[in-house]
Amino acid sequence: MSIGNSPEDERPFEDDREEARISVGRALQQARIAAGLTVDDVSNATRVRIAIVHAIEADDFAPCGGDVYARGHIRTLAKAVHLDPAPLLDQYAADHGGGRPAPTPAAPLFEAERIRPERRGPNWTAAMVAAIVAVIGFVGFTAFKGDDEGGKTQVAEGATPSTSKSSSPTPKSEKPESPKPAPSDSAIAAAPQDKVTVQVSAADGKSWISVKDHNGRNLFDGLLKQGDSKTFQDSEKINLVLGDAGAIQLYVNGKKIDDDWQPGAVERLTYTKGDPTVG
């Protein structure tokens, strides 16, 4: 009769190794906390709904709506908290059905989700094509009519278009009209003293922005394409979230804000009637 240890007594402690491995959701949660971000911050930066962020951090991927969507959310959240998404995707694949699946065109889907509002919005590609066609048609019409006035008129945020100067054609013999000031100049000059006025311009690229008034009411939540400009007013304060602060130029109460924001940086800002502080 053998007295030595049985083969079962010499097996490695596999349970200890399993407990040492951090789950995908736990890894994302720890990285978010280490980065000093809240779930709201991550949701605002990635456009992934708060409920889904909570579920993923609890390793519940059912609300994602499927494996492809879950992988896309993991990739998006990992980038937001400064993690390499590849190891997390490998671990997710191992935990939910074996090896890494074949490459799929899921990445563009989730890149688009980061910059669009939560509500189901329009098709951005179709909207961009329509905008380009409209601009080309407008320029051609203006050149054909020889009416420089119509090509220069722009409408400030919240104002109604003026049609008083378009009632009769401008004679070609008149002296060419000098360039009109940019919309930002007129909007800033008209800023009332008893309100806070904030103008947001996508001067150096496109950026997602969110704007709320002093009651927390949502004034705007969407994408500003390069060259777009929005003006907002409130009686007390304006709260801003800039998805890419490096692309944004701000004017507050008639004064330009010259902060050295880096490209890709997310900034949360609040301005009141007294801003910017004099001196």
Protein backbone atom coordinates (compact mmCIF):
# COMPACT_ATOMS: atom_id res chain seq x y z
CA MET A 1 0.00 0.00 0.00
CA SER A 2 1.46 3.42 -1.04
CA ILE A 3 1.72 6.10 1.64
CA GLY A 4 2.86 8.97 -0.66
CA ASN A 5 0.74 11.97 -1.65
CA SER A 6 -1.94 11.33 -4.24
CA PRO A 7 -1.77 13.20 -7.61
CA GLU A 8 -4.80 15.29 -6.57
CA ASP A 9 -2.82 16.70 -3.62
CA GLU A 10 -0.06 18.00 -5.95
CA ARG A 11 -2.30 20.05 -8.32
CA PRO A 12 -1.72 23.86 -8.35
CA PHE A 13 -4.24 26.01 -6.59
CA GLU A 14 -6.27 27.06 -9.63
CA ASP A 15 -8.87 28.85 -7.50
CA ASP A 16 -6.20 31.23 -6.17
CA ARG A 17 -5.16 32.13 -9.70
CA GLU A 18 -8.76 32.76 -10.72
CA GLU A 19 -9.32 35.06 -7.74
CA ALA A 20 -6.16 37.07 -8.59
CA ARG A 21 -7.46 38.01 -12.05
CA ILE A 22 -9.42 41.29 -12.19
CA SER A 23 -12.61 41.22 -14.25
CA VAL A 24 -13.18 43.54 -17.23
CA GLY A 25 -15.74 45.67 -15.39
CA ARG A 26 -13.60 45.91 -12.25
CA ALA A 27 -10.56 46.98 -14.30
CA LEU A 28 -12.57 49.77 -15.98
CA GLN A 29 -13.97 50.92 -12.63
CA GLN A 30 -10.54 51.06 -10.95
CA ALA A 31 -9.05 52.98 -13.90
CA ARG A 32 -11.93 55.49 -13.81
CA ILE A 33 -11.47 56.10 -10.09
CA ALA A 34 -7.70 56.43 -10.50
CA ALA A 35 -8.29 59.04 -13.22
CA GLY A 36 -10.50 61.06 -10.85
CA LEU A 37 -13.60 60.68 -13.05
CA THR A 38 -17.20 60.04 -12.06
CA VAL A 39 -19.63 57.85 -14.00
CA ASP A 40 -21.31 61.06 -15.20
CA ASP A 41 -17.96 62.35 -16.50
CA VAL A 42 -17.32 59.15 -18.46
CA SER A 43 -20.89 59.11 -19.83
CA ASN A 44 -20.65 62.74 -20.98
CA ALA A 45 -17.25 62.17 -22.65
CA THR A 46 -18.17 58.90 -24.42
CA ARG A 47 -21.95 59.32 -24.98
CA VAL A 48 -22.45 55.86 -23.42
CA ARG A 49 -25.53 56.00 -21.19
CA ILE A 50 -24.99 56.11 -17.43
CA ALA A 51 -26.99 52.90 -16.85
CA ILE A 52 -24.79 50.99 -19.32
CA VAL A 53 -21.57 52.32 -17.69
CA HIS A 54 -22.80 51.09 -14.28
CA ALA A 55 -23.78 47.70 -15.74
CA ILE A 56 -20.42 47.16 -17.49
CA GLU A 57 -18.48 48.05 -14.33
CA ALA A 58 -20.56 45.36 -12.58
CA ASP A 59 -19.64 42.88 -15.40
CA ASP A 60 -23.24 42.83 -16.62
CA PHE A 61 -23.08 43.14 -20.42
CA ALA A 62 -26.73 42.27 -21.15
CA PRO A 63 -27.84 45.96 -21.41
CA CYS A 64 -25.29 46.45 -24.23
CA GLY A 65 -27.58 44.57 -26.62
CA GLY A 66 -25.15 41.98 -27.95
CA ASP A 67 -21.51 40.94 -28.18
CA VAL A 68 -20.55 43.44 -30.90
CA TYR A 69 -22.06 46.35 -28.95
CA ALA A 70 -20.47 45.17 -25.69
CA ARG A 71 -17.00 45.08 -27.33
CA GLY A 72 -17.56 48.55 -28.74
CA HIS A 73 -18.57 49.92 -25.31
CA ILE A 74 -15.52 48.29 -23.67
CA ARG A 75 -13.21 49.87 -26.27
CA THR A 76 -14.82 53.31 -25.86
CA LEU A 77 -14.76 53.27 -22.03
CA ALA A 78 -11.17 51.98 -21.91
CA LYS A 79 -9.95 54.90 -24.03
CA ALA A 80 -11.84 57.38 -21.83
CA VAL A 81 -10.07 56.13 -18.66
CA HIS A 82 -6.67 55.79 -20.38
CA LEU A 83 -6.54 51.98 -20.60
CA ASP A 84 -5.33 49.82 -23.49
CA PRO A 85 -8.57 48.20 -24.74
CA ALA A 86 -6.85 45.16 -26.37
CA PRO A 87 -6.25 43.10 -23.15
CA LEU A 88 -9.77 43.85 -21.93
CA LEU A 89 -11.27 42.73 -25.26
CA ASP A 90 -9.21 39.52 -25.14
CA GLN A 91 -10.42 38.84 -21.59
CA TYR A 92 -14.02 39.56 -22.58
CA ALA A 93 -13.73 37.15 -25.52
CA ALA A 94 -12.27 34.44 -23.26
CA ASP A 95 -15.06 34.91 -20.68
CA HIS A 96 -17.91 35.06 -23.21
CA GLY A 97 -17.44 32.40 -25.84
CA GLY A 98 -13.82 31.47 -26.52
CA GLY A 99 -11.23 33.24 -28.59
CA ARG A 100 -11.23 36.62 -30.29
CA PRO A 101 -13.98 36.85 -32.95
CA ALA A 102 -13.29 37.74 -36.55
CA PRO A 103 -12.78 41.48 -37.19
CA THR A 104 -16.04 43.35 -37.71
CA PRO A 105 -16.74 46.93 -38.80
CA ALA A 106 -18.04 47.77 -35.30
CA ALA A 107 -15.53 50.53 -34.50
CA PRO A 108 -17.05 53.23 -36.76
CA LEU A 109 -20.45 52.55 -35.20
CA PHE A 110 -19.22 53.35 -31.73
CA GLU A 111 -17.08 56.30 -32.82
CA ALA A 112 -20.27 57.80 -34.21
CA GLU A 113 -22.10 57.04 -30.95
CA ARG A 114 -19.56 59.13 -29.01
CA ILE A 115 -20.44 62.36 -30.79
CA ARG A 116 -24.20 62.08 -31.27
CA PRO A 117 -26.88 62.82 -28.64
CA GLU A 118 -28.47 60.00 -26.68
CA ARG A 119 -31.77 60.46 -28.46
CA ARG A 120 -31.96 58.93 -31.93
CA GLY A 121 -30.72 61.69 -34.23
CA PRO A 122 -30.44 62.18 -37.97
CA ASN A 123 -28.01 60.37 -40.24
CA TRP A 124 -24.90 62.59 -40.02
CA THR A 125 -23.51 61.38 -43.35
CA ALA A 126 -26.71 62.22 -45.19
CA ALA A 127 -26.96 65.56 -43.37
CA MET A 128 -23.37 66.47 -44.31
CA VAL A 129 -23.97 65.60 -47.99
CA ALA A 130 -27.16 67.67 -47.97
CA ALA A 131 -25.33 70.61 -46.37
CA ILE A 132 -22.55 70.49 -49.00
CA VAL A 133 -25.12 70.40 -51.82
CA ALA A 134 -26.99 73.33 -50.25
CA VAL A 135 -23.79 75.41 -49.92
CA ILE A 136 -22.77 74.75 -53.53
CA GLY A 137 -26.25 75.67 -54.75
CA PHE A 138 -26.29 78.84 -52.64
CA VAL A 139 -22.88 79.98 -53.93
CA GLY A 140 -23.91 79.31 -57.54
CA PHE A 141 -27.16 81.20 -57.11
CA THR A 142 -25.37 84.19 -55.56
CA ALA A 143 -22.78 84.32 -58.34
CA PHE A 144 -25.52 84.12 -61.00
CA LYS A 145 -27.60 86.93 -59.49
CA GLY A 146 -24.56 89.13 -58.72
CA ASP A 147 -26.01 89.90 -55.33
CA ASP A 148 -23.13 90.07 -52.85
CA GLU A 149 -25.51 91.16 -50.11
CA GLY A 150 -27.27 87.81 -49.89
CA GLY A 151 -24.02 85.86 -49.50
CA LYS A 152 -22.87 87.89 -46.53
CA THR A 153 -26.02 87.92 -44.39
CA GLN A 154 -25.80 85.53 -41.45
CA VAL A 155 -28.24 85.01 -38.56
CA ALA A 156 -27.00 85.14 -34.97
CA GLU A 157 -28.16 82.45 -32.55
CA GLY A 158 -31.71 83.14 -31.35
CA ALA A 159 -32.36 86.01 -33.86
CA THR A 160 -34.68 86.05 -36.88
CA PRO A 161 -33.31 86.59 -40.42
CA SER A 162 -33.52 90.15 -41.75
CA THR A 163 -35.05 90.58 -45.21
CA SER A 164 -35.26 94.38 -45.33
CA LYS A 165 -32.29 94.79 -47.73
CA SER A 166 -33.28 92.05 -50.17
CA SER A 167 -36.49 93.66 -51.45
CA SER A 168 -34.77 95.20 -54.50
CA PRO A 169 -31.59 94.23 -56.41
CA THR A 170 -28.45 96.28 -55.77
CA PRO A 171 -27.29 98.17 -58.90
CA LYS A 172 -23.91 96.97 -60.14
CA SER A 173 -22.73 100.57 -60.54
CA GLU A 174 -22.71 101.18 -56.78
CA LYS A 175 -19.47 101.10 -54.81
CA PRO A 176 -18.78 97.58 -53.44
CA GLU A 177 -19.92 97.25 -49.86
CA SER A 178 -17.16 96.84 -47.26
CA PRO A 179 -16.99 93.47 -45.47
CA LYS A 180 -19.45 93.11 -42.59
CA PRO A 181 -18.18 92.17 -39.10
CA ALA A 182 -18.19 88.50 -38.20
CA PRO A 183 -21.33 87.17 -36.47
CA SER A 184 -19.33 86.78 -33.26
CA ASP A 185 -18.58 90.54 -33.16
CA SER A 186 -22.22 91.58 -33.53
CA ALA A 187 -23.43 88.96 -31.04
CA ILE A 188 -20.86 90.05 -28.46
CA ALA A 189 -21.49 93.77 -28.93
CA ALA A 190 -25.20 93.18 -28.34
CA ALA A 191 -24.64 91.18 -25.15
CA PRO A 192 -26.89 92.69 -22.41
CA GLN A 193 -25.31 93.67 -19.11
CA ASP A 194 -27.97 91.98 -16.97
CA LYS A 195 -27.35 88.52 -18.44
CA VAL A 196 -24.47 86.14 -19.04
CA THR A 197 -23.74 85.66 -22.75
CA VAL A 198 -21.50 82.84 -23.99
CA GLN A 199 -20.53 82.27 -27.62
CA VAL A 200 -18.98 78.91 -28.55
CA SER A 201 -17.17 78.60 -31.91
CA ALA A 202 -15.56 75.46 -33.37
CA ALA A 203 -12.60 77.41 -34.77
CA ASP A 204 -9.98 74.63 -35.09
CA GLY A 205 -12.05 71.48 -35.64
CA LYS A 206 -15.26 69.77 -34.66
CA SER A 207 -16.24 69.24 -31.00
CA TRP A 208 -19.18 67.85 -29.05
CA ILE A 209 -20.56 70.38 -26.51
CA SER A 210 -23.25 70.37 -23.81
CA VAL A 211 -24.82 73.63 -22.52
CA LYS A 212 -27.19 74.06 -19.54
CA ASP A 213 -28.74 77.10 -17.84
CA HIS A 214 -28.73 77.90 -14.11
CA ASN A 215 -31.72 75.60 -13.53
CA GLY A 216 -29.95 72.66 -15.17
CA ARG A 217 -32.17 72.86 -18.25
CA ASN A 218 -30.44 71.55 -21.37
CA LEU A 219 -29.90 74.36 -23.93
CA PHE A 220 -27.80 72.34 -26.41
CA ASP A 221 -26.30 68.86 -26.59
CA GLY A 222 -24.62 67.95 -29.86
CA LEU A 223 -21.77 68.37 -32.34
CA LEU A 224 -20.32 71.65 -33.57
CA LYS A 225 -18.60 71.17 -36.92
CA GLN A 226 -15.56 73.31 -37.78
CA GLY A 227 -16.73 76.85 -38.51
CA ASP A 228 -20.01 76.46 -36.58
CA SER A 229 -20.89 78.98 -33.85
CA LYS A 230 -23.58 79.02 -31.13
CA THR A 231 -24.55 81.83 -28.71
CA PHE A 232 -26.33 81.18 -25.37
CA GLN A 233 -27.77 83.53 -22.74
CA ASP A 234 -29.11 83.11 -19.19
CA SER A 235 -30.05 85.45 -16.37
CA GLU A 236 -27.52 83.95 -13.92
CA LYS A 237 -25.04 81.40 -15.30
CA ILE A 238 -24.15 79.07 -18.18
CA ASN A 239 -22.67 75.58 -17.58
CA LEU A 240 -20.52 74.12 -20.38
CA VAL A 241 -18.95 70.74 -21.16
CA LEU A 242 -16.48 70.82 -24.09
CA GLY A 243 -15.63 67.43 -25.59
CA ASP A 244 -12.55 68.79 -27.43
CA ALA A 245 -11.64 72.07 -25.76
CA GLY A 246 -8.60 72.57 -28.00
CA ALA A 247 -10.89 73.12 -31.01
CA ILE A 248 -13.12 75.70 -29.26
CA GLN A 249 -12.92 79.50 -29.10
CA LEU A 250 -15.02 81.17 -26.35
CA TYR A 251 -16.34 84.70 -25.94
CA VAL A 252 -17.92 85.43 -22.54
CA ASN A 253 -19.81 88.68 -21.92
CA GLY A 254 -18.04 90.36 -24.83
CA LYS A 255 -14.50 89.19 -24.02
CA LYS A 256 -12.42 86.42 -25.58
CA ILE A 257 -11.31 83.60 -23.23
CA ASP A 258 -7.60 82.90 -23.92
CA ASP A 259 -7.11 79.59 -22.09
CA ASP A 260 -4.44 77.22 -23.43
CA TRP A 261 -6.67 74.14 -23.80
CA GLN A 262 -5.06 71.06 -25.33
CA PRO A 263 -6.58 69.19 -28.31
CA GLY A 264 -8.80 66.36 -27.12
CA ALA A 265 -9.10 67.74 -23.56
CA VAL A 266 -12.54 67.61 -21.89
CA GLU A 267 -13.35 70.85 -20.00
CA ARG A 268 -16.28 71.55 -17.63
CA LEU A 269 -16.83 75.33 -17.26
CA THR A 270 -19.28 77.71 -15.55
CA TYR A 271 -19.65 81.44 -16.38
CA THR A 272 -21.74 84.16 -14.70
CA LYS A 273 -22.66 87.79 -15.39
CA GLY A 274 -19.38 88.99 -13.85
CA ASP A 275 -17.08 86.80 -15.95
CA PRO A 276 -14.37 87.04 -17.05
CA THR A 277 -12.95 88.57 -13.87
CA VAL A 278 -11.38 91.97 -14.52
CA GLY A 279 -7.67 92.29 -13.63
